[in-house]
Amino acid sequence: MFQLPSSSVFPQFNRFAELSFTLMRVPPSEEDAGEESMIHAEDQEDFDCFTLARTYYDLQEFDRAAFFTEKCTSHKASFLHMYSKYKAGEKKKYDEMTDVMMSPVHYKNFKNRALESLRLELEAKHNENKLDSFGLYLYGVVLKKLELYKEAEPILLDSIHRNPLNWGTWKELSSLVADREMLNSLQLPSHWMREFFFAHTCLELQLNDDALKHYTLLSDSGLAESTYIISQLAVVHDNRRDVDQAVEILGKLEKVDPYRLENMDTYSNLLYVKEMKPELSRLAHRVCEVDKYRVETCCVIGNYYSLRSEHEKAIVYFQRALKLNPNYLSAWTLMGHEYTEMKNTSAAIEAYRQAIEVNRRDFRAWYGLGQTYEILRMYFYCTYYFRQAQQLRPNDSRMLVALGESYEKLDKVVEAKKCYWRAYSVGDQEGIALVRLAKLFVRFNKDDKAASFYTKFVEQMEDNGTADTEEQWQAYRFLARYHLKQGNFEFATSYAHKCCEYNETKEEGKSILKEIPNKRQSAGTPELEDRPNLEDLGSLTRPPLSSTSHGNGNTPRQHLSMMNVTFTP
């Protein structure tokens, strides 16, 4: 039975490449000359050097690959030379980072030392018009790594016009797009890859409705069975907070391609959010059987341990993912959440900062920083970070509520009220904005308005089937007392009975029920049609955002639950 050598098959190809390299000055035979004529004329001179360097590159011996292509002049060999130097610098940076993997604090000190020299070399070639599309792509990557974003944009656009099929260039350009206006202003080639670019960029910019349209169009154009399109649609639904739909899509994707590990980390995040422990356990075992040394596998297992509240073990697996890929965004964000749970705020802050270094559009990292500084009671800082998260997710009520609570702690009541109004208007699924508005009005003795919003809140919670929350029994208690004071005995009785369903307000509910007959007798029993109606308490129509309130005092903010990766709190 045939067996592969125990070392690897790659070194065997390496030997053939080395033999070819040593024979490059030997004139080819007539048969070999016929084969060489099939090689592009520009590449013939550098063919042996390029082949040898390519094998070294495949073996991740980047310095050797760069050395043997140093004197090559063809575009392919020249690109391999410069790209090998870039990869060698990245590899050395990651090797140094591995030594301090137990703490993210020192990560920002590590740089790719080859970037400056590469920039000068690529700039010289660009000025001489000696860069092809791949050379321009590398030039754009280097400029972006050096944070020269304005200089990188035209370079990447030039590369795309020369070769629109290089998806790597499209993705690098996408990371430079700041908003919808900039996206629409780009002068892109008329090519079918544009649709993929627009869909990807809209998703990155949290323009989820637009992203859904683009991916749906691609799916209807014959790509309905593309696992990439299916997975991206799941991410869109996750961003739209349609968690059930996202879980359903990724569950089907798992059955269509059971050995696919891409996006399984996102799947594990959704299972974590829904607290589906058995399903997450099954997923963790399955991905571990497929490949236990993939970043997605480490992330899935980390989420599983996090759901079991074993935060130290979760951090170990997120660190393992970062050893495999230090630019793995989800691991940085998730590790920040775990450090926050362990009250290690300094490590959490550095983890979130690293996530932002990888992708400044990650609203979860900005939100996590806001939560961490809130724990430290540094409210000016947390206001800044919550504002950054809100700008990335302008229609996410959670960001607005968090920002409003920060303003409230800084006694900026007008700004807090505007944030709560906005959160209510964009669709506050949890009803938190209604509660905060009600409490804000209670602070300023505007009980009619407070009752109006508490009423809307309990109706929303009852429609959603939500119960046993602190906000609900507080709302029932306030409404029972309010209606008793106003003489609305029917409503007071109803809400007092609701209070009796909670241990915290059971005794108070009984007390109110005892008071009602005495109050009714002393006031006289009005006819039902003469009693004040709940609708008379004030309209729930949202006032304009310019509405103002004045006063002092703080309401302690109930800490929002942590969000997990692509996540919902």
Protein backbone atom coordinates (compact mmCIF):
# COMPACT_ATOMS: atom_id res chain seq x y z
CA MET A 1 0.00 0.00 0.00
CA PHE A 2 1.36 3.42 -1.01
CA GLN A 3 2.19 5.84 1.82
CA LEU A 4 3.20 9.47 1.71
CA PRO A 5 6.59 10.28 3.24
CA SER A 6 6.34 11.10 6.93
CA SER A 7 7.76 14.60 6.44
CA SER A 8 5.42 16.10 3.85
CA VAL A 9 4.80 16.12 0.13
CA PHE A 10 5.84 19.79 -0.14
CA PRO A 11 9.57 19.22 0.49
CA GLN A 12 9.52 16.72 -2.41
CA PHE A 13 8.28 19.44 -4.78
CA ASN A 14 10.88 21.70 -3.22
CA ARG A 15 13.65 19.32 -4.31
CA PHE A 16 12.43 19.33 -7.92
CA ALA A 17 12.34 23.14 -7.88
CA GLU A 18 15.90 23.27 -6.53
CA LEU A 19 17.07 20.91 -9.29
CA SER A 20 15.38 23.08 -11.90
CA PHE A 21 17.03 26.17 -10.41
CA THR A 22 20.53 24.64 -10.59
CA LEU A 23 19.97 23.74 -14.26
CA MET A 24 18.72 27.16 -15.35
CA ARG A 25 22.00 27.99 -17.17
CA VAL A 26 22.03 24.66 -19.02
CA PRO A 27 20.59 25.07 -22.54
CA PRO A 28 17.30 23.15 -22.90
CA SER A 29 16.96 20.23 -25.29
CA GLU A 30 14.77 20.53 -28.38
CA GLU A 31 11.87 18.85 -26.55
CA ASP A 32 12.22 21.14 -23.52
CA ALA A 33 12.51 24.18 -25.79
CA GLY A 34 9.09 23.35 -27.21
CA GLU A 35 7.61 23.27 -23.71
CA GLU A 36 9.33 26.55 -22.74
CA SER A 37 7.77 28.31 -25.70
CA MET A 38 4.41 27.89 -23.98
CA ILE A 39 5.60 30.15 -21.12
CA HIS A 40 4.99 33.86 -21.47
CA ALA A 41 8.06 35.56 -22.93
CA GLU A 42 8.33 37.96 -19.98
CA ASP A 43 8.38 35.10 -17.48
CA GLN A 44 10.81 32.76 -19.25
CA GLU A 45 13.96 34.37 -17.86
CA ASP A 46 12.72 34.27 -14.26
CA PHE A 47 10.83 30.99 -14.50
CA ASP A 48 13.25 28.84 -12.49
CA CYS A 49 13.79 31.47 -9.79
CA PHE A 50 10.07 32.07 -9.56
CA THR A 51 9.28 28.35 -9.29
CA LEU A 52 11.86 27.86 -6.55
CA ALA A 53 10.66 30.93 -4.63
CA ARG A 54 7.05 29.80 -5.00
CA THR A 55 7.83 26.49 -3.30
CA TYR A 56 9.59 28.33 -0.46
CA TYR A 57 6.56 30.62 -0.14
CA ASP A 58 4.23 27.61 0.05
CA LEU A 59 6.42 26.28 2.87
CA GLN A 60 6.12 29.70 4.61
CA GLU A 61 9.86 30.32 4.24
CA PHE A 62 9.20 33.88 3.18
CA ASP A 63 12.73 35.24 3.60
CA ARG A 64 14.11 32.55 1.28
CA ALA A 65 11.38 33.28 -1.27
CA ALA A 66 12.25 37.00 -1.18
CA PHE A 67 15.99 36.30 -1.50
CA PHE A 68 15.77 34.15 -4.65
CA THR A 69 13.52 36.64 -6.46
CA GLU A 70 15.52 39.74 -5.55
CA LYS A 71 17.03 40.18 -9.03
CA CYS A 72 13.97 39.11 -11.01
CA THR A 73 12.38 41.63 -13.36
CA SER A 74 9.09 40.01 -14.46
CA HIS A 75 5.87 41.24 -12.87
CA LYS A 76 5.02 37.86 -11.33
CA ALA A 77 8.44 37.31 -9.77
CA SER A 78 8.72 40.93 -8.66
CA PHE A 79 5.34 40.72 -6.93
CA LEU A 80 6.32 37.46 -5.23
CA HIS A 81 9.54 39.10 -4.01
CA MET A 82 7.79 42.08 -2.42
CA TYR A 83 4.85 40.09 -1.10
CA SER A 84 7.24 37.58 0.50
CA LYS A 85 9.00 40.45 2.28
CA TYR A 86 5.65 41.70 3.53
CA LYS A 87 4.62 38.24 4.74
CA ALA A 88 8.00 37.72 6.41
CA GLY A 89 7.50 40.94 8.37
CA GLU A 90 3.99 39.88 9.39
CA LYS A 91 5.21 36.44 10.47
CA LYS A 92 7.96 37.91 12.65
CA LYS A 93 5.47 40.30 14.23
CA TYR A 94 3.09 37.46 15.05
CA ASP A 95 5.91 35.31 16.44
CA GLU A 96 6.86 38.11 18.82
CA MET A 97 3.23 38.63 19.81
CA THR A 98 2.88 34.96 20.75
CA ASP A 99 5.23 35.44 23.70
CA VAL A 100 2.80 37.86 25.39
CA MET A 101 -0.42 36.09 24.39
CA MET A 102 -1.58 35.83 28.00
CA SER A 103 -2.33 39.56 28.04
CA PRO A 104 -3.47 41.86 25.22
CA VAL A 105 -1.93 44.94 26.83
CA HIS A 106 1.33 44.91 24.83
CA TYR A 107 -0.07 44.04 21.39
CA LYS A 108 -0.05 47.61 20.13
CA ASN A 109 3.76 47.73 20.51
CA PHE A 110 4.35 45.19 17.73
CA LYS A 111 4.74 46.44 14.16
CA ASN A 112 5.73 45.01 10.80
CA ARG A 113 9.22 46.45 10.41
CA ALA A 114 9.28 45.77 6.66
CA LEU A 115 6.47 48.23 5.85
CA GLU A 116 8.54 51.41 5.50
CA SER A 117 11.16 49.87 3.21
CA LEU A 118 8.42 48.21 1.15
CA ARG A 119 6.61 51.50 0.79
CA LEU A 120 9.72 53.19 -0.61
CA GLU A 121 10.37 50.32 -3.03
CA LEU A 122 6.77 50.19 -4.23
CA GLU A 123 6.56 53.98 -4.52
CA ALA A 124 9.62 54.01 -6.77
CA LYS A 125 8.19 51.29 -9.01
CA HIS A 126 4.83 53.06 -9.12
CA ASN A 127 6.43 56.32 -10.20
CA GLU A 128 8.16 54.39 -13.02
CA ASN A 129 4.86 52.70 -13.96
CA LYS A 130 6.32 49.25 -13.27
CA LEU A 131 3.51 47.88 -11.09
CA ASP A 132 0.82 45.60 -12.48
CA SER A 133 -2.56 45.07 -10.79
CA PHE A 134 -1.10 42.78 -8.12
CA GLY A 135 1.74 45.14 -7.39
CA LEU A 136 -0.76 47.97 -6.98
CA TYR A 137 -2.80 45.76 -4.65
CA LEU A 138 0.25 45.19 -2.43
CA TYR A 139 1.10 48.91 -2.54
CA GLY A 140 -2.42 49.72 -1.36
CA VAL A 141 -2.19 47.15 1.46
CA VAL A 142 1.13 48.61 2.67
CA LEU A 143 -0.22 52.18 2.61
CA LYS A 144 -3.30 51.07 4.53
CA LYS A 145 -1.17 49.30 7.13
CA LEU A 146 0.76 52.55 7.57
CA GLU A 147 -2.59 54.34 8.03
CA LEU A 148 -2.14 56.38 4.85
CA TYR A 149 -5.75 55.85 3.85
CA LYS A 150 -6.15 58.74 1.41
CA GLU A 151 -3.07 57.63 -0.51
CA ALA A 152 -4.23 53.99 -0.54
CA GLU A 153 -7.68 54.63 -2.08
CA PRO A 154 -6.61 55.70 -5.62
CA ILE A 155 -3.98 52.94 -5.71
CA LEU A 156 -6.54 50.24 -4.92
CA LEU A 157 -9.00 51.73 -7.43
CA ASP A 158 -6.32 51.59 -10.13
CA SER A 159 -5.66 47.93 -9.28
CA ILE A 160 -9.38 47.11 -9.54
CA HIS A 161 -9.67 48.78 -12.95
CA ARG A 162 -6.73 46.72 -14.23
CA ASN A 163 -7.94 43.44 -12.72
CA PRO A 164 -11.53 43.46 -11.42
CA LEU A 165 -11.42 39.75 -10.53
CA ASN A 166 -9.04 40.18 -7.59
CA TRP A 167 -11.52 40.02 -4.68
CA GLY A 168 -8.75 40.83 -2.21
CA THR A 169 -8.43 44.32 -3.69
CA TRP A 170 -12.17 44.91 -3.48
CA LYS A 171 -12.15 43.96 0.23
CA GLU A 172 -9.22 46.28 0.99
CA LEU A 173 -11.04 49.14 -0.75
CA SER A 174 -14.23 48.31 1.14
CA SER A 175 -12.45 48.81 4.47
CA LEU A 176 -11.66 52.41 3.43
CA VAL A 177 -15.27 53.35 2.67
CA ALA A 178 -16.58 55.48 5.54
CA ASP A 179 -20.23 56.02 4.59
CA ARG A 180 -22.90 55.68 1.91
CA GLU A 181 -21.92 58.95 0.24
CA MET A 182 -18.34 57.81 -0.23
CA LEU A 183 -19.52 54.42 -1.52
CA ASN A 184 -21.70 56.02 -4.19
CA SER A 185 -18.91 58.40 -5.25
CA LEU A 186 -16.38 55.67 -6.10
CA GLN A 187 -15.51 55.42 -9.80
CA LEU A 188 -15.71 51.64 -10.22
CA PRO A 189 -15.45 49.56 -13.40
CA SER A 190 -18.64 48.26 -14.96
CA HIS A 191 -18.18 44.65 -13.90
CA TRP A 192 -20.34 42.00 -12.23
CA MET A 193 -17.98 42.01 -9.22
CA ARG A 194 -19.39 45.44 -8.33
CA GLU A 195 -22.55 43.82 -6.97
CA PHE A 196 -20.52 41.67 -4.57
CA PHE A 197 -18.57 44.75 -3.52
CA PHE A 198 -21.67 46.83 -2.85
CA ALA A 199 -23.29 44.01 -0.88
CA HIS A 200 -20.17 43.43 1.22
CA THR A 201 -19.59 47.13 1.88
CA CYS A 202 -23.24 47.80 2.81
CA LEU A 203 -22.99 44.95 5.30
CA GLU A 204 -19.79 46.42 6.76
CA LEU A 205 -21.41 49.86 7.02
CA GLN A 206 -24.46 48.38 8.79
CA LEU A 207 -26.65 49.39 5.84
CA ASN A 208 -28.47 46.13 6.34
CA ASP A 209 -31.56 46.80 4.23
CA ASP A 210 -29.37 47.68 1.24
CA ALA A 211 -27.14 44.66 1.86
CA LEU A 212 -30.21 42.40 1.96
CA LYS A 213 -31.36 43.78 -1.43
CA HIS A 214 -27.96 43.20 -3.04
CA TYR A 215 -27.55 39.65 -1.70
CA THR A 216 -31.14 38.79 -2.60
CA LEU A 217 -30.47 40.03 -6.14
CA LEU A 218 -27.34 37.87 -6.37
CA SER A 219 -29.26 34.89 -5.02
CA ASP A 220 -32.05 35.38 -7.57
CA SER A 221 -29.46 35.68 -10.35
CA GLY A 222 -28.55 31.99 -10.09
CA LEU A 223 -26.44 31.95 -6.91
CA ALA A 224 -29.17 30.71 -4.56
CA GLU A 225 -27.09 27.63 -3.66
CA SER A 226 -23.86 29.56 -3.06
CA THR A 227 -22.77 28.90 0.51
CA TYR A 228 -21.12 32.34 0.58
CA ILE A 229 -24.37 34.10 -0.35
CA ILE A 230 -26.36 31.99 2.13
CA SER A 231 -23.95 32.76 4.97
CA GLN A 232 -23.97 36.48 4.18
CA LEU A 233 -27.76 36.52 4.23
CA ALA A 234 -27.60 34.99 7.70
CA VAL A 235 -25.23 37.74 8.84
CA VAL A 236 -27.61 40.37 7.43
CA HIS A 237 -30.53 38.92 9.39
CA ASP A 238 -28.36 38.83 12.52
CA ASN A 239 -27.52 42.52 12.08
CA ARG A 240 -31.23 43.24 11.62
CA ARG A 241 -31.77 41.51 14.99
CA ASP A 242 -33.81 38.77 13.34
CA VAL A 243 -31.98 36.11 15.33
CA ASP A 244 -34.44 33.27 14.67
CA GLN A 245 -34.15 33.71 10.90
CA ALA A 246 -30.35 33.84 11.10
CA VAL A 247 -30.24 30.64 13.20
CA GLU A 248 -32.54 28.89 10.73
CA ILE A 249 -30.38 29.85 7.72
CA LEU A 250 -27.11 28.79 9.35
CA GLY A 251 -28.71 25.55 10.54
CA LYS A 252 -29.66 24.75 6.92
CA LEU A 253 -26.16 25.75 5.76
CA GLU A 254 -24.66 23.30 8.25
CA LYS A 255 -26.67 20.49 6.66
CA VAL A 256 -25.83 21.55 3.09
CA ASP A 257 -22.07 21.70 3.80
CA PRO A 258 -21.39 19.87 7.10
CA TYR A 259 -17.60 20.30 6.87
CA ARG A 260 -17.71 24.05 6.32
CA LEU A 261 -16.27 25.96 9.27
CA GLU A 262 -16.66 29.49 7.92
CA ASN A 263 -19.38 31.41 9.78
CA MET A 264 -19.73 28.65 12.38
CA ASP A 265 -18.38 31.18 14.89
CA THR A 266 -21.32 33.44 14.00
CA TYR A 267 -23.64 30.46 14.40
CA SER A 268 -22.22 29.81 17.87
CA ASN A 269 -22.76 33.47 18.81
CA LEU A 270 -26.43 33.20 17.90
CA LEU A 271 -26.85 29.96 19.84
CA TYR A 272 -25.17 31.69 22.78
CA VAL A 273 -27.56 34.62 22.61
CA LYS A 274 -30.58 32.29 22.53
CA GLU A 275 -29.00 30.22 25.35
CA MET A 276 -29.35 27.02 23.31
CA LYS A 277 -26.79 25.06 25.32
CA PRO A 278 -27.44 21.55 23.86
CA GLU A 279 -27.20 22.84 20.27
CA LEU A 280 -24.03 24.81 21.07
CA SER A 281 -22.49 21.74 22.73
CA ARG A 282 -23.27 19.62 19.65
CA LEU A 283 -21.78 22.28 17.36
CA ALA A 284 -18.61 22.49 19.47
CA HIS A 285 -18.07 18.72 19.25
CA ARG A 286 -18.72 18.68 15.50
CA VAL A 287 -16.33 21.50 14.55
CA CYS A 288 -13.66 20.00 16.79
CA GLU A 289 -13.92 16.74 14.85
CA VAL A 290 -13.61 18.61 11.54
CA ASP A 291 -10.53 20.69 12.47
CA LYS A 292 -9.63 21.60 16.04
CA TYR A 293 -6.88 24.00 14.91
CA ARG A 294 -9.12 26.48 13.11
CA VAL A 295 -9.97 29.88 14.58
CA GLU A 296 -13.69 29.21 14.13
CA THR A 297 -13.40 26.01 16.17
CA CYS A 298 -11.65 27.83 19.01
CA CYS A 299 -14.34 30.53 18.96
CA VAL A 300 -17.18 27.99 19.10
CA ILE A 301 -15.60 26.15 22.05
CA GLY A 302 -14.90 29.48 23.79
CA ASN A 303 -18.57 30.46 23.45
CA TYR A 304 -19.61 27.09 24.85
CA TYR A 305 -17.48 27.57 27.98
CA SER A 306 -18.69 31.15 28.30
CA LEU A 307 -22.31 29.99 28.28
CA ARG A 308 -21.36 27.62 31.11
CA SER A 309 -19.84 30.62 32.98
CA GLU A 310 -16.36 29.05 32.78
CA HIS A 311 -14.77 32.32 31.75
CA GLU A 312 -11.13 31.31 32.31
CA LYS A 313 -11.49 28.35 29.92
CA ALA A 314 -13.27 30.56 27.40
CA ILE A 315 -10.36 33.03 27.45
CA VAL A 316 -7.89 30.18 26.84
CA TYR A 317 -9.70 29.23 23.63
CA PHE A 318 -10.04 32.81 22.43
CA GLN A 319 -6.30 33.24 23.01
CA ARG A 320 -5.68 30.06 21.06
CA ALA A 321 -7.67 31.51 18.17
CA LEU A 322 -5.51 34.64 18.29
CA LYS A 323 -2.34 32.55 18.16
CA LEU A 324 -3.64 31.10 14.91
CA ASN A 325 -4.74 34.49 13.57
CA PRO A 326 -3.95 37.67 15.54
CA ASN A 327 -6.31 39.62 13.26
CA TYR A 328 -9.32 37.50 14.14
CA LEU A 329 -11.84 40.15 15.14
CA SER A 330 -14.40 38.00 16.94
CA ALA A 331 -11.84 36.56 19.36
CA TRP A 332 -10.68 40.02 20.47
CA THR A 333 -14.24 41.20 21.11
CA LEU A 334 -15.31 38.01 22.86
CA MET A 335 -12.19 37.99 25.00
CA GLY A 336 -13.01 41.55 26.04
CA HIS A 337 -16.46 40.35 27.15
CA GLU A 338 -14.90 37.55 29.21
CA TYR A 339 -12.43 39.88 30.91
CA THR A 340 -15.33 42.20 31.73
CA GLU A 341 -17.21 39.30 33.31
CA MET A 342 -14.09 38.56 35.39
CA LYS A 343 -13.87 42.27 36.42
CA ASN A 344 -10.44 42.56 34.75
CA THR A 345 -11.21 45.95 33.24
CA SER A 346 -7.68 46.83 32.08
CA ALA A 347 -7.36 43.63 30.02
CA ALA A 348 -10.91 44.10 28.70
CA ILE A 349 -10.14 47.63 27.52
CA GLU A 350 -7.00 46.51 25.68
CA ALA A 351 -8.85 43.60 24.06
CA TYR A 352 -11.60 45.92 22.81
CA ARG A 353 -8.98 48.39 21.55
CA GLN A 354 -7.28 45.61 19.59
CA ALA A 355 -10.64 44.70 18.06
CA ILE A 356 -11.04 48.31 16.93
CA GLU A 357 -7.51 48.23 15.48
CA VAL A 358 -8.56 45.23 13.38
CA ASN A 359 -11.87 46.79 12.31
CA ARG A 360 -12.99 50.26 13.38
CA ARG A 361 -16.52 49.45 12.25
CA ASP A 362 -17.02 46.82 14.94
CA PHE A 363 -19.76 48.45 17.01
CA ARG A 364 -19.54 45.64 19.59
CA ALA A 365 -16.01 46.67 20.54
CA TRP A 366 -17.00 50.35 20.89
CA TYR A 367 -20.03 49.31 22.93
CA GLY A 368 -17.87 47.03 25.09
CA LEU A 369 -15.48 49.89 25.80
CA GLY A 370 -18.43 52.03 26.84
CA GLN A 371 -19.64 49.34 29.23
CA THR A 372 -16.17 48.87 30.71
CA TYR A 373 -15.67 52.59 31.38
CA GLU A 374 -19.16 52.70 32.84
CA ILE A 375 -18.10 50.02 35.34
CA LEU A 376 -15.17 52.28 36.21
CA ARG A 377 -17.64 55.19 36.64
CA MET A 378 -15.79 57.22 34.00
CA TYR A 379 -18.94 58.54 32.38
CA PHE A 380 -17.37 61.08 30.02
CA TYR A 381 -15.35 58.26 28.47
CA CYS A 382 -18.25 55.84 28.24
CA THR A 383 -20.39 58.57 26.61
CA TYR A 384 -17.77 58.94 23.88
CA TYR A 385 -17.59 55.21 23.18
CA PHE A 386 -21.36 54.72 23.26
CA ARG A 387 -21.65 57.61 20.78
CA GLN A 388 -19.20 55.87 18.45
CA ALA A 389 -21.24 52.66 18.66
CA GLN A 390 -24.46 54.59 18.05
CA GLN A 391 -23.02 56.24 14.94
CA LEU A 392 -22.22 52.80 13.55
CA ARG A 393 -25.71 51.53 14.46
CA PRO A 394 -27.93 54.64 14.24
CA ASN A 395 -31.19 52.64 14.35
CA ASP A 396 -30.24 50.31 17.19
CA SER A 397 -32.26 51.20 20.28
CA ARG A 398 -29.69 49.54 22.60
CA MET A 399 -26.99 52.00 21.58
CA LEU A 400 -29.34 54.95 22.06
CA VAL A 401 -30.52 53.79 25.48
CA ALA A 402 -26.93 53.24 26.66
CA LEU A 403 -25.98 56.71 25.43
CA GLY A 404 -29.04 58.24 27.08
CA GLU A 405 -28.22 56.62 30.41
CA SER A 406 -24.68 57.98 30.24
CA TYR A 407 -26.01 61.48 29.60
CA GLU A 408 -28.41 61.06 32.49
CA LYS A 409 -25.54 60.24 34.85
CA LEU A 410 -23.79 63.40 33.68
CA ASP A 411 -26.98 65.38 34.47
CA LYS A 412 -27.49 66.13 30.78
CA VAL A 413 -31.22 65.50 30.96
CA VAL A 414 -32.12 67.13 27.65
CA GLU A 415 -29.67 64.93 25.73
CA ALA A 416 -30.81 61.86 27.66
CA LYS A 417 -34.45 62.52 26.80
CA LYS A 418 -33.59 62.94 23.11
CA CYS A 419 -31.77 59.59 23.11
CA TYR A 420 -34.74 57.84 24.75
CA TRP A 421 -37.19 59.45 22.31
CA ARG A 422 -35.02 58.31 19.42
CA ALA A 423 -34.71 54.78 20.83
CA TYR A 424 -38.51 54.61 21.16
CA SER A 425 -39.06 55.91 17.63
CA VAL A 426 -36.70 53.42 15.92
CA GLY A 427 -38.38 50.44 17.58
CA ASP A 428 -37.44 49.62 21.15
CA GLN A 429 -37.97 45.86 21.21
CA GLU A 430 -37.01 45.47 24.87
CA GLY A 431 -39.12 48.41 26.04
CA ILE A 432 -36.16 49.84 27.94
CA ALA A 433 -36.57 53.32 26.46
CA LEU A 434 -40.18 53.50 27.66
CA VAL A 435 -39.09 52.62 31.20
CA ARG A 436 -36.28 55.18 31.17
CA LEU A 437 -38.63 57.89 29.92
CA ALA A 438 -41.18 56.99 32.58
CA LYS A 439 -38.56 57.15 35.34
CA LEU A 440 -37.28 60.44 33.97
CA PHE A 441 -40.76 61.95 34.23
CA VAL A 442 -41.18 60.52 37.74
CA ARG A 443 -38.00 62.33 38.76
CA PHE A 444 -39.56 65.64 37.73
CA ASN A 445 -42.98 64.85 39.25
CA LYS A 446 -44.73 64.54 35.89
CA ASP A 447 -46.80 61.54 36.92
CA ASP A 448 -49.31 61.80 34.06
CA LYS A 449 -46.59 61.39 31.46
CA ALA A 450 -44.88 58.70 33.51
CA ALA A 451 -48.12 56.74 33.76
CA SER A 452 -48.61 57.08 30.00
CA PHE A 453 -45.25 55.49 29.24
CA TYR A 454 -45.49 52.86 31.95
CA THR A 455 -48.87 51.85 30.50
CA LYS A 456 -47.40 51.54 27.03
CA PHE A 457 -44.49 49.54 28.45
CA VAL A 458 -46.61 46.94 30.28
CA GLU A 459 -48.84 46.56 27.21
CA GLN A 460 -45.78 45.92 25.05
CA MET A 461 -44.35 43.38 27.52
CA GLU A 462 -47.67 41.56 27.82
CA ASP A 463 -48.01 41.40 24.03
CA ASN A 464 -44.50 39.93 23.82
CA GLY A 465 -45.23 37.42 26.55
CA THR A 466 -42.45 38.80 28.75
CA ALA A 467 -42.84 38.54 32.51
CA ASP A 468 -40.91 38.44 35.77
CA THR A 469 -38.79 41.49 35.03
CA GLU A 470 -37.95 44.09 37.62
CA GLU A 471 -39.21 46.86 35.36
CA GLN A 472 -42.63 45.21 35.07
CA TRP A 473 -43.44 44.93 38.76
CA GLN A 474 -42.12 48.46 39.29
CA ALA A 475 -44.43 49.64 36.52
CA TYR A 476 -47.43 47.80 37.99
CA ARG A 477 -46.73 49.26 41.42
CA PHE A 478 -46.47 52.80 40.07
CA LEU A 479 -49.64 52.45 37.98
CA ALA A 480 -51.61 50.97 40.87
CA ARG A 481 -50.60 53.85 43.15
CA TYR A 482 -51.17 56.42 40.41
CA HIS A 483 -54.69 55.27 39.55
CA LEU A 484 -55.58 54.96 43.23
CA LYS A 485 -54.53 58.57 43.70
CA GLN A 486 -56.49 59.67 40.62
CA GLY A 487 -59.62 57.78 41.70
CA ASN A 488 -59.47 55.35 38.79
CA PHE A 489 -60.43 52.42 41.02
CA GLU A 490 -61.02 49.91 38.20
CA PHE A 491 -57.49 50.38 36.87
CA ALA A 492 -56.04 50.54 40.37
CA THR A 493 -57.66 47.19 41.19
CA SER A 494 -56.37 45.61 37.98
CA TYR A 495 -52.79 46.75 38.51
CA ALA A 496 -52.87 45.87 42.23
CA HIS A 497 -53.81 42.30 41.28
CA LYS A 498 -50.82 42.31 38.89
CA CYS A 499 -48.61 43.41 41.79
CA CYS A 500 -49.75 40.39 43.78
CA GLU A 501 -48.21 38.12 41.14
CA TYR A 502 -44.67 39.23 42.09
CA ASN A 503 -42.95 38.47 45.38
CA GLU A 504 -41.42 41.94 45.51
CA THR A 505 -44.80 43.74 45.34
CA LYS A 506 -47.22 41.12 46.69
CA GLU A 507 -47.69 42.79 50.08
CA GLU A 508 -47.98 46.25 48.56
CA GLY A 509 -50.55 44.97 46.09
CA LYS A 510 -52.63 43.53 48.93
CA SER A 511 -52.36 46.83 50.78
CA ILE A 512 -53.63 48.76 47.75
CA LEU A 513 -56.53 46.34 47.35
CA LYS A 514 -57.50 47.00 50.96
CA GLU A 515 -57.31 50.76 50.43
CA ILE A 516 -59.52 50.79 47.34
CA PRO A 517 -62.91 50.13 49.10
CA ASN A 518 -62.19 52.84 51.66
CA LYS A 519 -61.18 55.31 48.96
CA ARG A 520 -64.20 54.40 46.86
CA GLN A 521 -66.56 54.84 49.82
CA SER A 522 -65.09 58.17 50.86
CA ALA A 523 -65.16 59.50 47.33
CA GLY A 524 -68.50 58.00 46.37
CA THR A 525 -68.79 55.46 43.55
CA PRO A 526 -69.06 57.20 40.17
CA GLU A 527 -70.86 55.69 37.26
CA LEU A 528 -68.60 53.76 34.91
CA GLU A 529 -69.09 56.21 32.04
CA ASP A 530 -68.16 59.12 34.32
CA ARG A 531 -64.88 57.63 35.46
CA PRO A 532 -61.68 58.95 33.96
CA ASN A 533 -60.51 56.93 31.00
CA LEU A 534 -56.95 55.74 30.60
CA GLU A 535 -56.78 57.47 27.27
CA ASP A 536 -57.22 60.81 29.05
CA LEU A 537 -53.86 60.41 30.78
CA GLY A 538 -52.03 61.90 27.87
CA SER A 539 -51.22 60.97 24.32
CA LEU A 540 -48.46 58.50 23.60
CA THR A 541 -47.63 60.42 20.46
CA ARG A 542 -43.94 61.12 20.50
CA PRO A 543 -43.14 64.79 21.06
CA PRO A 544 -40.44 66.40 18.94
CA LEU A 545 -36.82 65.73 19.82
CA SER A 546 -36.42 69.33 20.89
CA SER A 547 -38.59 68.73 23.98
CA THR A 548 -36.70 69.72 27.09
CA SER A 549 -36.75 69.02 30.82
CA HIS A 550 -34.87 70.69 33.60
CA GLY A 551 -33.72 69.33 36.91
CA ASN A 552 -30.98 67.55 38.75
CA GLY A 553 -30.41 64.06 40.09
CA ASN A 554 -29.27 60.73 38.73
CA THR A 555 -30.99 57.43 38.23
CA PRO A 556 -28.60 54.49 38.60
CA ARG A 557 -28.24 52.73 35.30
CA GLN A 558 -29.07 49.06 35.25
CA HIS A 559 -26.09 47.51 33.51
CA LEU A 560 -26.95 46.21 30.05
CA SER A 561 -26.21 42.58 29.37
CA MET A 562 -23.05 41.87 27.42
CA MET A 563 -23.34 41.40 23.69
CA ASN A 564 -21.64 38.40 22.10
CA VAL A 565 -19.78 38.92 18.73
CA THR A 566 -22.29 39.72 15.99
CA PHE A 567 -24.61 40.07 18.60
CA THR A 568 -27.64 41.12 20.44
CA PRO A 569 -27.51 41.78 24.19
